[in-house]
């Protein structure tokens, strides 16, 4: 149906300051991106074809139908769809409704700062 799944994304950051005496400190930190290592797609490819089908203004107003089995677009001469004006063939895109644009995998970064 072209909808992506519900997205959950969690990051974690923690730090700890250790006093060394006087005004000196060491700060330790950890940063974790994508804590649950989700692999949910952030986008579904929605283009059904690979090239545009130019329709005239009259064809757009009269109406048209997509036939996903034959990969054709049929245009009509009037709003009643009684007379076919022309049939346009098009090449289907194999990526249609496939998942794309995923979250990056889990990553962990450690840090240490000397503060004075």
N, C-alpha and C. Protein backbone atom coordinates (compact mmCIF):
# COMPACT_ATOMS: atom_id res chain seq x y z
N UNK A 1 0.81 -1.20 0.00
CA UNK A 1 0.00 0.00 0.00
C UNK A 1 0.85 1.26 0.00
N UNK A 2 2.16 1.16 -0.03
CA UNK A 2 3.01 2.32 -0.17
C UNK A 2 3.33 3.06 1.12
N UNK A 3 2.93 2.52 2.26
CA UNK A 3 3.22 3.19 3.52
C UNK A 3 4.42 2.51 4.19
N UNK A 4 5.23 3.31 4.83
CA UNK A 4 6.35 2.72 5.58
C UNK A 4 5.89 2.39 6.98
N UNK A 5 6.64 1.54 7.64
CA UNK A 5 6.30 1.12 9.00
C UNK A 5 6.48 2.26 9.98
N UNK A 6 5.93 2.09 11.17
CA UNK A 6 6.11 3.07 12.23
C UNK A 6 7.59 3.14 12.58
N UNK A 7 8.12 4.34 12.71
CA UNK A 7 9.55 4.51 12.93
C UNK A 7 9.86 4.74 14.40
N UNK A 8 10.79 3.98 14.92
CA UNK A 8 11.29 4.19 16.27
C UNK A 8 12.79 4.30 16.20
N UNK A 9 13.31 5.31 16.80
CA UNK A 9 14.74 5.59 16.74
C UNK A 9 15.15 6.07 18.11
N UNK A 10 16.18 5.46 18.68
CA UNK A 10 16.61 5.87 20.01
C UNK A 10 18.13 6.02 20.04
N UNK A 11 18.57 7.10 20.65
CA UNK A 11 19.98 7.35 20.89
C UNK A 11 20.20 7.42 22.39
N UNK A 12 21.44 7.20 22.81
CA UNK A 12 21.77 7.23 24.23
C UNK A 12 23.07 8.01 24.40
N UNK A 13 23.10 8.90 25.39
CA UNK A 13 24.32 9.64 25.69
C UNK A 13 24.47 9.68 27.20
N UNK A 14 25.66 9.38 27.67
CA UNK A 14 25.93 9.43 29.11
C UNK A 14 27.34 9.99 29.30
N UNK A 15 27.51 10.73 30.41
CA UNK A 15 28.83 11.24 30.74
C UNK A 15 29.03 11.19 32.24
N UNK A 16 30.29 11.12 32.61
CA UNK A 16 30.65 11.07 34.02
C UNK A 16 31.87 11.96 34.22
N UNK A 17 31.80 12.84 35.22
CA UNK A 17 32.91 13.73 35.53
C UNK A 17 33.63 13.21 36.77
N UNK A 18 34.93 13.07 36.66
CA UNK A 18 35.76 12.57 37.75
C UNK A 18 36.68 13.71 38.19
N UNK A 19 36.57 14.08 39.45
CA UNK A 19 37.38 15.19 39.97
C UNK A 19 38.73 14.64 40.40
N UNK A 20 39.80 15.27 39.89
CA UNK A 20 41.15 14.82 40.20
C UNK A 20 41.78 15.62 41.34
N UNK A 21 41.18 16.65 41.74
CA UNK A 21 41.73 17.50 42.80
C UNK A 21 41.92 18.90 42.26
N UNK A 22 41.64 19.85 43.10
CA UNK A 22 41.76 21.24 42.65
C UNK A 22 40.75 21.54 41.56
N UNK A 23 41.23 22.10 40.47
CA UNK A 23 40.32 22.44 39.37
C UNK A 23 40.40 21.47 38.20
N UNK A 24 41.09 20.37 38.34
CA UNK A 24 41.27 19.41 37.24
C UNK A 24 40.19 18.33 37.29
N UNK A 25 39.70 18.00 36.12
CA UNK A 25 38.66 16.96 36.00
C UNK A 25 38.90 16.16 34.72
N UNK A 26 38.43 14.93 34.74
CA UNK A 26 38.39 14.10 33.52
C UNK A 26 36.93 13.76 33.28
N UNK A 27 36.49 13.98 32.07
CA UNK A 27 35.11 13.68 31.71
C UNK A 27 35.09 12.50 30.74
N UNK A 28 34.39 11.45 31.11
CA UNK A 28 34.21 10.27 30.26
C UNK A 28 32.80 10.33 29.68
N UNK A 29 32.67 9.95 28.39
CA UNK A 29 31.34 9.97 27.77
C UNK A 29 31.20 8.79 26.81
N UNK A 30 29.95 8.43 26.59
CA UNK A 30 29.62 7.40 25.60
C UNK A 30 28.37 7.86 24.87
N UNK A 31 28.36 7.69 23.55
CA UNK A 31 27.23 8.07 22.71
C UNK A 31 26.88 6.86 21.84
N UNK A 32 25.66 6.38 21.95
CA UNK A 32 25.20 5.23 21.18
C UNK A 32 24.08 5.69 20.25
N UNK A 33 24.26 5.51 18.94
CA UNK A 33 23.23 5.83 17.97
C UNK A 33 22.53 4.55 17.53
N UNK A 34 21.22 4.61 17.36
CA UNK A 34 20.40 3.46 16.98
C UNK A 34 20.57 2.34 18.00
N UNK A 35 20.21 2.64 19.23
CA UNK A 35 20.42 1.73 20.36
C UNK A 35 19.84 0.34 20.11
N UNK A 36 18.67 0.26 19.51
CA UNK A 36 18.01 -1.03 19.31
C UNK A 36 18.37 -1.66 17.96
N UNK A 37 19.27 -1.04 17.22
CA UNK A 37 19.75 -1.54 15.93
C UNK A 37 18.58 -1.91 15.00
N UNK A 38 17.64 -0.98 14.88
CA UNK A 38 16.48 -1.24 14.02
C UNK A 38 16.89 -1.20 12.55
N UNK A 39 16.21 -1.96 11.75
CA UNK A 39 16.50 -2.03 10.33
C UNK A 39 15.25 -1.67 9.50
N UNK A 40 14.39 -0.84 10.09
CA UNK A 40 13.16 -0.42 9.43
C UNK A 40 13.46 0.52 8.27
N UNK A 41 12.78 0.30 7.18
CA UNK A 41 12.93 1.21 6.03
C UNK A 41 12.27 2.54 6.36
N UNK A 42 12.93 3.62 5.98
CA UNK A 42 12.36 4.94 6.22
C UNK A 42 11.53 5.42 5.04
N UNK A 43 11.58 4.70 3.93
CA UNK A 43 10.85 5.14 2.75
C UNK A 43 10.48 3.94 1.89
N UNK A 44 9.34 4.03 1.22
CA UNK A 44 8.88 3.03 0.25
C UNK A 44 8.93 3.70 -1.13
N UNK A 45 9.51 3.01 -2.11
CA UNK A 45 9.60 3.58 -3.45
C UNK A 45 8.21 3.64 -4.07
N UNK A 46 7.76 4.82 -4.44
CA UNK A 46 6.37 5.02 -4.86
C UNK A 46 6.18 5.17 -6.36
N UNK A 47 7.26 5.35 -7.15
CA UNK A 47 7.10 5.55 -8.60
C UNK A 47 6.74 4.23 -9.27
N UNK A 48 5.64 4.19 -9.97
CA UNK A 48 5.18 2.96 -10.60
C UNK A 48 5.85 2.72 -11.95
N UNK A 49 6.36 3.77 -12.55
CA UNK A 49 6.98 3.62 -13.87
C UNK A 49 8.27 4.42 -13.94
N UNK A 50 8.98 4.26 -15.05
CA UNK A 50 10.29 4.90 -15.18
C UNK A 50 10.28 6.12 -16.09
N UNK A 51 9.21 6.38 -16.77
CA UNK A 51 9.16 7.55 -17.65
C UNK A 51 7.79 8.22 -17.52
N UNK A 52 7.75 9.52 -17.76
CA UNK A 52 6.46 10.21 -17.67
C UNK A 52 5.56 9.88 -18.86
N UNK A 53 4.27 9.95 -18.64
CA UNK A 53 3.30 9.76 -19.72
C UNK A 53 2.65 11.11 -19.97
N UNK A 54 3.06 11.78 -21.04
CA UNK A 54 2.50 13.12 -21.27
C UNK A 54 1.03 13.03 -21.69
N UNK A 55 0.20 13.65 -20.91
CA UNK A 55 -1.23 13.72 -21.22
C UNK A 55 -1.57 15.17 -21.53
N UNK A 56 -2.43 15.36 -22.49
CA UNK A 56 -2.88 16.71 -22.81
C UNK A 56 -3.87 17.17 -21.74
N UNK A 57 -4.16 18.45 -21.73
CA UNK A 57 -5.12 18.97 -20.76
C UNK A 57 -6.50 18.35 -20.96
N UNK A 58 -6.91 18.16 -22.22
CA UNK A 58 -8.21 17.54 -22.50
C UNK A 58 -8.26 16.11 -21.97
N UNK A 59 -7.16 15.37 -22.14
CA UNK A 59 -7.12 14.00 -21.63
C UNK A 59 -7.19 13.97 -20.11
N UNK A 60 -6.52 14.90 -19.47
CA UNK A 60 -6.57 14.96 -18.01
C UNK A 60 -7.99 15.28 -17.52
N UNK A 61 -8.66 16.17 -18.20
CA UNK A 61 -10.02 16.53 -17.80
C UNK A 61 -11.02 15.41 -18.09
N UNK A 62 -10.85 14.72 -19.20
CA UNK A 62 -11.78 13.64 -19.57
C UNK A 62 -11.55 12.40 -18.71
N UNK A 63 -10.33 12.19 -18.26
CA UNK A 63 -10.04 11.05 -17.39
C UNK A 63 -9.15 10.02 -18.06
N UNK A 64 -8.53 9.23 -17.24
CA UNK A 64 -7.66 8.16 -17.72
C UNK A 64 -7.63 7.06 -16.68
N UNK A 65 -7.23 5.88 -17.10
CA UNK A 65 -7.13 4.71 -16.21
C UNK A 65 -5.75 4.08 -16.34
N UNK A 66 -5.22 3.62 -15.21
CA UNK A 66 -3.99 2.84 -15.21
C UNK A 66 -4.36 1.37 -15.22
N UNK A 67 -3.67 0.60 -16.02
CA UNK A 67 -3.83 -0.86 -16.00
C UNK A 67 -2.47 -1.42 -15.57
N UNK A 68 -2.39 -1.85 -14.31
CA UNK A 68 -1.12 -2.31 -13.77
C UNK A 68 -0.71 -3.67 -14.33
N UNK A 69 -1.65 -4.44 -14.85
CA UNK A 69 -1.32 -5.74 -15.43
C UNK A 69 -0.66 -5.59 -16.79
N UNK A 70 -1.22 -4.74 -17.64
CA UNK A 70 -0.69 -4.55 -18.99
C UNK A 70 0.35 -3.43 -19.07
N UNK A 71 0.49 -2.66 -17.99
CA UNK A 71 1.38 -1.49 -17.96
C UNK A 71 0.97 -0.50 -19.06
N UNK A 72 -0.29 -0.12 -19.04
CA UNK A 72 -0.81 0.83 -20.02
C UNK A 72 -1.63 1.91 -19.31
N UNK A 73 -1.73 3.04 -19.96
CA UNK A 73 -2.62 4.11 -19.53
C UNK A 73 -3.61 4.36 -20.66
N UNK A 74 -4.88 4.32 -20.36
CA UNK A 74 -5.92 4.54 -21.36
C UNK A 74 -6.55 5.90 -21.12
N UNK A 75 -6.61 6.72 -22.17
CA UNK A 75 -7.27 8.02 -22.07
C UNK A 75 -8.59 7.98 -22.84
N UNK A 76 -9.50 8.84 -22.42
CA UNK A 76 -10.86 8.83 -22.98
C UNK A 76 -11.18 10.19 -23.60
N UNK A 77 -12.20 10.19 -24.45
CA UNK A 77 -12.60 11.43 -25.14
C UNK A 77 -13.53 12.28 -24.28
N UNK A 78 -14.23 11.67 -23.32
CA UNK A 78 -15.13 12.44 -22.48
C UNK A 78 -15.19 11.84 -21.08
N UNK A 79 -15.93 12.52 -20.20
CA UNK A 79 -16.01 12.10 -18.80
C UNK A 79 -16.76 10.79 -18.59
N UNK A 80 -17.53 10.35 -19.58
CA UNK A 80 -18.30 9.10 -19.42
C UNK A 80 -17.45 7.86 -19.68
N UNK A 81 -16.23 8.04 -20.16
CA UNK A 81 -15.30 6.95 -20.46
C UNK A 81 -15.89 5.97 -21.48
N UNK A 82 -16.70 6.49 -22.38
CA UNK A 82 -17.35 5.62 -23.37
C UNK A 82 -16.45 5.36 -24.58
N UNK A 83 -15.61 6.30 -24.95
CA UNK A 83 -14.77 6.15 -26.14
C UNK A 83 -13.30 6.31 -25.77
N UNK A 84 -12.50 5.32 -26.16
CA UNK A 84 -11.07 5.37 -25.88
C UNK A 84 -10.40 6.28 -26.89
N UNK A 85 -9.63 7.24 -26.40
CA UNK A 85 -8.89 8.15 -27.27
C UNK A 85 -7.57 7.52 -27.70
N UNK A 86 -6.78 7.07 -26.73
CA UNK A 86 -5.52 6.40 -27.04
C UNK A 86 -5.07 5.58 -25.85
N UNK A 87 -4.18 4.65 -26.11
CA UNK A 87 -3.59 3.81 -25.07
C UNK A 87 -2.08 3.99 -25.10
N UNK A 88 -1.51 4.32 -23.95
CA UNK A 88 -0.07 4.56 -23.83
C UNK A 88 0.55 3.42 -23.05
N UNK A 89 1.56 2.77 -23.63
CA UNK A 89 2.28 1.71 -22.93
C UNK A 89 3.45 2.32 -22.17
N UNK A 90 3.78 1.74 -21.01
CA UNK A 90 4.90 2.23 -20.23
C UNK A 90 5.61 1.06 -19.58
N UNK A 91 6.85 1.28 -19.23
CA UNK A 91 7.68 0.25 -18.61
C UNK A 91 7.56 0.36 -17.09
N UNK A 92 7.20 -0.73 -16.46
CA UNK A 92 7.05 -0.73 -15.01
C UNK A 92 8.42 -0.66 -14.33
N UNK A 93 8.47 0.03 -13.20
CA UNK A 93 9.71 0.13 -12.44
C UNK A 93 9.78 -1.05 -11.47
N UNK A 94 10.85 -1.84 -11.51
CA UNK A 94 10.93 -3.01 -10.62
C UNK A 94 11.06 -2.63 -9.14
N UNK A 95 11.37 -1.38 -8.84
CA UNK A 95 11.51 -0.95 -7.44
C UNK A 95 10.18 -0.54 -6.81
N UNK A 96 9.09 -0.56 -7.56
CA UNK A 96 7.79 -0.10 -7.08
C UNK A 96 7.41 -0.83 -5.79
N UNK A 97 7.10 -0.07 -4.75
CA UNK A 97 6.71 -0.52 -3.41
C UNK A 97 7.80 -1.31 -2.68
N UNK A 98 9.04 -1.17 -3.11
CA UNK A 98 10.15 -1.80 -2.38
C UNK A 98 10.68 -0.83 -1.33
N UNK A 99 11.24 -1.38 -0.27
CA UNK A 99 11.78 -0.54 0.80
C UNK A 99 13.11 0.07 0.37
N UNK A 100 13.35 1.30 0.85
CA UNK A 100 14.62 1.97 0.59
C UNK A 100 14.91 2.94 1.72
N UNK A 101 16.10 3.48 1.77
CA UNK A 101 16.55 4.44 2.78
C UNK A 101 16.38 3.89 4.19
N UNK A 102 17.32 3.08 4.60
CA UNK A 102 17.29 2.46 5.92
C UNK A 102 18.11 3.27 6.92
N UNK A 103 17.85 3.05 8.20
CA UNK A 103 18.65 3.67 9.25
C UNK A 103 20.04 3.05 9.24
N UNK A 104 21.06 3.81 9.62
CA UNK A 104 22.40 3.22 9.72
C UNK A 104 22.45 2.24 10.90
N UNK A 105 23.41 1.31 10.89
CA UNK A 105 23.48 0.34 11.99
C UNK A 105 23.91 1.01 13.30
N UNK A 106 23.82 0.25 14.37
CA UNK A 106 24.20 0.76 15.68
C UNK A 106 25.66 1.21 15.65
N UNK A 107 25.93 2.32 16.32
CA UNK A 107 27.30 2.81 16.43
C UNK A 107 27.53 3.35 17.83
N UNK A 108 28.74 3.14 18.33
CA UNK A 108 29.09 3.56 19.68
C UNK A 108 30.35 4.43 19.59
N UNK A 109 30.32 5.54 20.29
CA UNK A 109 31.47 6.44 20.31
C UNK A 109 31.81 6.73 21.77
N UNK A 110 33.07 6.52 22.13
CA UNK A 110 33.56 6.80 23.48
C UNK A 110 34.37 8.09 23.44
N UNK A 111 34.31 8.85 24.54
CA UNK A 111 35.06 10.09 24.59
C UNK A 111 35.67 10.30 25.97
N UNK A 112 36.76 11.06 25.99
CA UNK A 112 37.40 11.44 27.24
C UNK A 112 37.94 12.86 27.07
N UNK A 113 37.67 13.71 28.06
CA UNK A 113 38.15 15.08 28.05
C UNK A 113 38.91 15.35 29.34
N UNK A 114 39.97 16.05 29.18
CA UNK A 114 40.70 16.55 30.34
C UNK A 114 40.33 18.01 30.50
N UNK A 115 39.73 18.36 31.62
CA UNK A 115 39.25 19.73 31.83
C UNK A 115 40.07 20.40 32.94
N UNK A 116 40.42 21.61 32.68
CA UNK A 116 41.17 22.37 33.69
C UNK A 116 40.73 23.81 33.74
